[in-house]
Amino acid sequence: MDASIKRFPHSDHDGVWLSLNFDQVKRGPGYWHFNSDLLSNAAFESEINDFWIFWKTKYEDFADPLIWWDRAKQGFKNIAIRCAKIIGKQKRHDRFQLERNLIKLQEKSNTGNTQDIENYLIPKESLKQLDLKNEFTREPGRGDTCHLSIFDETLPG
């Protein structure tokens, strides 16, 4: 961590510079939360159903039904994690494609043609909505370094 107060030219405010590097913090195993969006995913539902049909046939292989059930829950969790990773990867790819397409559409819209401008503004708004949605659902571990600048006139200078 690095923190300092610096004079800010042409202002009666001082700047606070704070740099945090989260890579240096040892992380534990964390806490897993089920992503309830998976419940409306057909591939996830199919995988869970297939696993459950298979797992019910394994009941007799366990002397203790609690161990059988704990292993079933672990299987459900593994499926959920795997499906969430696949969906996340697809969403990142779709976003990348949208951003690439936006650059091309922006260049085309510079001609001033109304249709080209409209073709640019619609996906631009989609990307903006995606950013707003992601603001509240950030994945843990994303953006491991954080820089924060705060300006306050009450700081000593």
C-alpha atoms as a PDB file:
ATOM      1  CA  MET A   1       0.000   0.000   0.000  1.00  0.00           C
ATOM      2  CA  ASP A   2       1.210   3.461  -0.818  1.00  0.00           C
ATOM      3  CA  ALA A   3      -0.478   6.665   0.357  1.00  0.00           C
ATOM      4  CA  SER A   4       0.532  10.296   0.136  1.00  0.00           C
ATOM      5  CA  ILE A   5      -0.872  13.808   0.171  1.00  0.00           C
ATOM      6  CA  LYS A   6       0.321  15.977  -2.687  1.00  0.00           C
ATOM      7  CA  ARG A   7      -0.188  19.612  -3.505  1.00  0.00           C
ATOM      8  CA  PHE A   8      -2.439  20.070  -6.469  1.00  0.00           C
ATOM      9  CA  PRO A   9      -1.417  22.952  -8.771  1.00  0.00           C
ATOM     10  CA  HIS A  10      -3.857  25.799  -9.382  1.00  0.00           C
ATOM     11  CA  SER A  11      -6.177  24.632  -6.594  1.00  0.00           C
ATOM     12  CA  ASP A  12      -6.782  25.318  -2.924  1.00  0.00           C
ATOM     13  CA  HIS A  13      -7.258  21.537  -2.483  1.00  0.00           C
ATOM     14  CA  ASP A  14      -4.628  18.893  -1.854  1.00  0.00           C
ATOM     15  CA  GLY A  15      -4.714  15.507  -3.557  1.00  0.00           C
ATOM     16  CA  VAL A  16      -4.703  12.219  -1.691  1.00  0.00           C
ATOM     17  CA  TRP A  17      -3.015   9.459  -3.651  1.00  0.00           C
ATOM     18  CA  LEU A  18      -3.725   5.915  -2.515  1.00  0.00           C
ATOM     19  CA  SER A  19      -2.517   2.781  -4.265  1.00  0.00           C
ATOM     20  CA  LEU A  20      -3.573  -0.687  -3.118  1.00  0.00           C
ATOM     21  CA  ASN A  21      -2.253  -3.917  -4.606  1.00  0.00           C
ATOM     22  CA  PHE A  22      -4.554  -6.790  -3.739  1.00  0.00           C
ATOM     23  CA  ASP A  23      -2.176  -9.364  -5.261  1.00  0.00           C
ATOM     24  CA  GLN A  24      -0.046  -9.068  -2.132  1.00  0.00           C
ATOM     25  CA  VAL A  25      -2.933  -9.992   0.179  1.00  0.00           C
ATOM     26  CA  LYS A  26      -3.167 -13.703   0.900  1.00  0.00           C
ATOM     27  CA  ARG A  27      -6.604 -14.948   0.039  1.00  0.00           C
ATOM     28  CA  GLY A  28      -8.387 -17.837   1.630  1.00  0.00           C
ATOM     29  CA  PRO A  29     -10.631 -20.288  -0.147  1.00  0.00           C
ATOM     30  CA  GLY A  30     -13.433 -17.729  -0.082  1.00  0.00           C
ATOM     31  CA  TYR A  31     -17.108 -18.454   0.211  1.00  0.00           C
ATOM     32  CA  TRP A  32     -19.038 -19.894  -2.691  1.00  0.00           C
ATOM     33  CA  HIS A  33     -22.455 -18.422  -3.520  1.00  0.00           C
ATOM     34  CA  PHE A  34     -24.829 -20.142  -5.901  1.00  0.00           C
ATOM     35  CA  ASN A  35     -25.585 -18.055  -8.995  1.00  0.00           C
ATOM     36  CA  SER A  36     -29.384 -18.251  -9.166  1.00  0.00           C
ATOM     37  CA  ASP A  37     -29.316 -17.124 -12.832  1.00  0.00           C
ATOM     38  CA  LEU A  38     -28.301 -20.711 -13.597  1.00  0.00           C
ATOM     39  CA  LEU A  39     -31.811 -21.876 -12.699  1.00  0.00           C
ATOM     40  CA  SER A  40     -33.112 -20.434 -15.963  1.00  0.00           C
ATOM     41  CA  ASN A  41     -30.298 -21.986 -18.029  1.00  0.00           C
ATOM     42  CA  ALA A  42     -31.402 -25.061 -19.998  1.00  0.00           C
ATOM     43  CA  ALA A  43     -27.901 -26.570 -20.208  1.00  0.00           C
ATOM     44  CA  PHE A  44     -27.481 -26.314 -16.426  1.00  0.00           C
ATOM     45  CA  GLU A  45     -30.904 -27.880 -15.835  1.00  0.00           C
ATOM     46  CA  SER A  46     -30.107 -30.744 -18.187  1.00  0.00           C
ATOM     47  CA  GLU A  47     -26.741 -31.410 -16.543  1.00  0.00           C
ATOM     48  CA  ILE A  48     -28.281 -31.402 -13.055  1.00  0.00           C
ATOM     49  CA  ASN A  49     -31.033 -33.805 -14.160  1.00  0.00           C
ATOM     50  CA  ASP A  50     -28.532 -36.170 -15.794  1.00  0.00           C
ATOM     51  CA  PHE A  51     -26.312 -36.102 -12.711  1.00  0.00           C
ATOM     52  CA  TRP A  52     -29.264 -36.754 -10.393  1.00  0.00           C
ATOM     53  CA  ILE A  53     -30.508 -39.728 -12.421  1.00  0.00           C
ATOM     54  CA  PHE A  54     -26.997 -41.195 -12.340  1.00  0.00           C
ATOM     55  CA  TRP A  55     -26.402 -40.356  -8.669  1.00  0.00           C
ATOM     56  CA  LYS A  56     -29.587 -42.015  -7.439  1.00  0.00           C
ATOM     57  CA  THR A  57     -28.197 -45.313  -8.751  1.00  0.00           C
ATOM     58  CA  LYS A  58     -25.156 -44.905  -6.469  1.00  0.00           C
ATOM     59  CA  TYR A  59     -27.185 -44.806  -3.238  1.00  0.00           C
ATOM     60  CA  GLU A  60     -26.525 -48.471  -2.401  1.00  0.00           C
ATOM     61  CA  ASP A  61     -22.756 -47.932  -2.760  1.00  0.00           C
ATOM     62  CA  PHE A  62     -22.705 -45.869   0.447  1.00  0.00           C
ATOM     63  CA  ALA A  63     -23.053 -47.265   3.972  1.00  0.00           C
ATOM     64  CA  ASP A  64     -24.097 -43.850   5.288  1.00  0.00           C
ATOM     65  CA  PRO A  65     -26.848 -41.932   3.416  1.00  0.00           C
ATOM     66  CA  LEU A  66     -25.470 -38.641   4.778  1.00  0.00           C
ATOM     67  CA  ILE A  67     -22.173 -39.215   3.002  1.00  0.00           C
ATOM     68  CA  TRP A  68     -24.085 -40.062  -0.194  1.00  0.00           C
ATOM     69  CA  TRP A  69     -26.063 -36.826   0.140  1.00  0.00           C
ATOM     70  CA  ASP A  70     -22.942 -34.727   0.903  1.00  0.00           C
ATOM     71  CA  ARG A  71     -21.251 -36.095  -2.204  1.00  0.00           C
ATOM     72  CA  ALA A  72     -24.406 -35.326  -4.234  1.00  0.00           C
ATOM     73  CA  LYS A  73     -24.305 -31.711  -3.013  1.00  0.00           C
ATOM     74  CA  GLN A  74     -20.645 -31.509  -4.000  1.00  0.00           C
ATOM     75  CA  GLY A  75     -21.595 -32.799  -7.448  1.00  0.00           C
ATOM     76  CA  PHE A  76     -24.311 -30.126  -7.777  1.00  0.00           C
ATOM     77  CA  LYS A  77     -21.828 -27.466  -6.713  1.00  0.00           C
ATOM     78  CA  ASN A  78     -19.208 -28.642  -9.231  1.00  0.00           C
ATOM     79  CA  ILE A  79     -21.779 -28.538 -12.031  1.00  0.00           C
ATOM     80  CA  ALA A  80     -22.859 -25.024 -10.985  1.00  0.00           C
ATOM     81  CA  ILE A  81     -19.265 -23.759 -10.924  1.00  0.00           C
ATOM     82  CA  ARG A  82     -18.454 -25.319 -14.294  1.00  0.00           C
ATOM     83  CA  CYS A  83     -21.619 -23.909 -15.926  1.00  0.00           C
ATOM     84  CA  ALA A  84     -21.066 -20.454 -14.398  1.00  0.00           C
ATOM     85  CA  LYS A  85     -17.512 -20.375 -15.791  1.00  0.00           C
ATOM     86  CA  ILE A  86     -18.739 -21.314 -19.273  1.00  0.00           C
ATOM     87  CA  ILE A  87     -21.479 -18.664 -19.180  1.00  0.00           C
ATOM     88  CA  GLY A  88     -19.048 -16.043 -17.855  1.00  0.00           C
ATOM     89  CA  LYS A  89     -16.569 -16.816 -20.612  1.00  0.00           C
ATOM     90  CA  GLN A  90     -19.337 -16.506 -23.219  1.00  0.00           C
ATOM     91  CA  LYS A  91     -20.465 -13.159 -21.764  1.00  0.00           C
ATOM     92  CA  ARG A  92     -16.899 -11.811 -21.864  1.00  0.00           C
ATOM     93  CA  HIS A  93     -16.562 -12.968 -25.475  1.00  0.00           C
ATOM     94  CA  ASP A  94     -19.888 -11.351 -26.433  1.00  0.00           C
ATOM     95  CA  ARG A  95     -18.781  -8.088 -24.798  1.00  0.00           C
ATOM     96  CA  PHE A  96     -15.476  -8.170 -26.667  1.00  0.00           C
ATOM     97  CA  GLN A  97     -17.351  -8.691 -29.959  1.00  0.00           C
ATOM     98  CA  LEU A  98     -19.718  -5.819 -29.128  1.00  0.00           C
ATOM     99  CA  GLU A  99     -16.793  -3.498 -28.359  1.00  0.00           C
ATOM    100  CA  ARG A 100     -15.038  -4.482 -31.598  1.00  0.00           C
ATOM    101  CA  ASN A 101     -18.222  -3.933 -33.581  1.00  0.00           C
ATOM    102  CA  LEU A 102     -18.733  -0.555 -31.892  1.00  0.00           C
ATOM    103  CA  ILE A 103     -15.332   0.689 -33.071  1.00  0.00           C
ATOM    104  CA  LYS A 104     -16.206  -0.178 -36.679  1.00  0.00           C
ATOM    105  CA  LEU A 105     -19.654   1.411 -36.367  1.00  0.00           C
ATOM    106  CA  GLN A 106     -18.200   4.562 -34.811  1.00  0.00           C
ATOM    107  CA  GLU A 107     -15.798   4.984 -37.733  1.00  0.00           C
ATOM    108  CA  LYS A 108     -18.679   4.472 -40.148  1.00  0.00           C
ATOM    109  CA  SER A 109     -20.906   6.949 -38.266  1.00  0.00           C
ATOM    110  CA  ASN A 110     -18.317   9.712 -38.755  1.00  0.00           C
ATOM    111  CA  THR A 111     -19.695  10.165 -42.288  1.00  0.00           C
ATOM    112  CA  GLY A 112     -22.730  11.880 -40.767  1.00  0.00           C
ATOM    113  CA  ASN A 113     -25.237   9.485 -42.315  1.00  0.00           C
ATOM    114  CA  THR A 114     -28.266   9.307 -39.977  1.00  0.00           C
ATOM    115  CA  GLN A 115     -28.674   5.540 -40.360  1.00  0.00           C
ATOM    116  CA  ASP A 116     -24.976   4.929 -39.596  1.00  0.00           C
ATOM    117  CA  ILE A 117     -25.215   7.126 -36.498  1.00  0.00           C
ATOM    118  CA  GLU A 118     -28.296   5.243 -35.310  1.00  0.00           C
ATOM    119  CA  ASN A 119     -26.569   1.897 -36.022  1.00  0.00           C
ATOM    120  CA  TYR A 120     -23.732   3.087 -33.767  1.00  0.00           C
ATOM    121  CA  LEU A 121     -25.869   4.503 -30.937  1.00  0.00           C
ATOM    122  CA  ILE A 122     -27.992   1.372 -30.394  1.00  0.00           C
ATOM    123  CA  PRO A 123     -25.083  -1.000 -29.552  1.00  0.00           C
ATOM    124  CA  LYS A 124     -23.382   1.816 -27.651  1.00  0.00           C
ATOM    125  CA  GLU A 125     -26.439   1.982 -25.387  1.00  0.00           C
ATOM    126  CA  SER A 126     -26.376  -1.823 -25.030  1.00  0.00           C
ATOM    127  CA  LEU A 127     -22.766  -1.629 -23.860  1.00  0.00           C
ATOM    128  CA  LYS A 128     -23.672   1.149 -21.427  1.00  0.00           C
ATOM    129  CA  GLN A 129     -26.495  -0.988 -19.959  1.00  0.00           C
ATOM    130  CA  LEU A 130     -24.101  -3.931 -19.698  1.00  0.00           C
ATOM    131  CA  ASP A 131     -21.632  -1.742 -17.785  1.00  0.00           C
ATOM    132  CA  LEU A 132     -24.364  -0.568 -15.402  1.00  0.00           C
ATOM    133  CA  LYS A 133     -25.485  -4.151 -14.778  1.00  0.00           C
ATOM    134  CA  ASN A 134     -21.905  -5.330 -14.218  1.00  0.00           C
ATOM    135  CA  GLU A 135     -21.258  -2.476 -11.794  1.00  0.00           C
ATOM    136  CA  PHE A 136     -23.442  -4.278  -9.262  1.00  0.00           C
ATOM    137  CA  THR A 137     -22.340  -7.838 -10.075  1.00  0.00           C
ATOM    138  CA  ARG A 138     -18.549  -7.649 -10.277  1.00  0.00           C
ATOM    139  CA  GLU A 139     -16.739 -10.945 -10.069  1.00  0.00           C
ATOM    140  CA  PRO A 140     -14.426 -11.336  -7.081  1.00  0.00           C
ATOM    141  CA  GLY A 141     -10.788 -11.195  -8.076  1.00  0.00           C
ATOM    142  CA  ARG A 142     -11.373  -8.922 -11.049  1.00  0.00           C
ATOM    143  CA  GLY A 143      -9.244  -5.795 -11.088  1.00  0.00           C
ATOM    144  CA  ASP A 144      -6.616  -6.799  -8.550  1.00  0.00           C
ATOM    145  CA  THR A 145      -5.154  -3.311  -8.268  1.00  0.00           C
ATOM    146  CA  CYS A 146      -7.178  -0.325  -7.174  1.00  0.00           C
ATOM    147  CA  HIS A 147      -6.170   3.324  -7.456  1.00  0.00           C
ATOM    148  CA  LEU A 148      -8.233   5.918  -5.661  1.00  0.00           C
ATOM    149  CA  SER A 149      -7.832   9.679  -5.705  1.00  0.00           C
ATOM    150  CA  ILE A 150      -9.689  11.838  -3.215  1.00  0.00           C
ATOM    151  CA  PHE A 151      -9.513  15.621  -3.135  1.00  0.00           C
ATOM    152  CA  ASP A 152     -10.528  17.435   0.012  1.00  0.00           C
ATOM    153  CA  GLU A 153      -9.938  21.017   0.994  1.00  0.00           C
ATOM    154  CA  THR A 154      -9.792  20.093   4.685  1.00  0.00           C
ATOM    155  CA  LEU A 155      -6.573  18.086   4.333  1.00  0.00           C
ATOM    156  CA  PRO A 156      -3.417  19.705   5.721  1.00  0.00           C
ATOM    157  CA  GLY A 157      -1.040  20.925   3.027  1.00  0.00           C
END
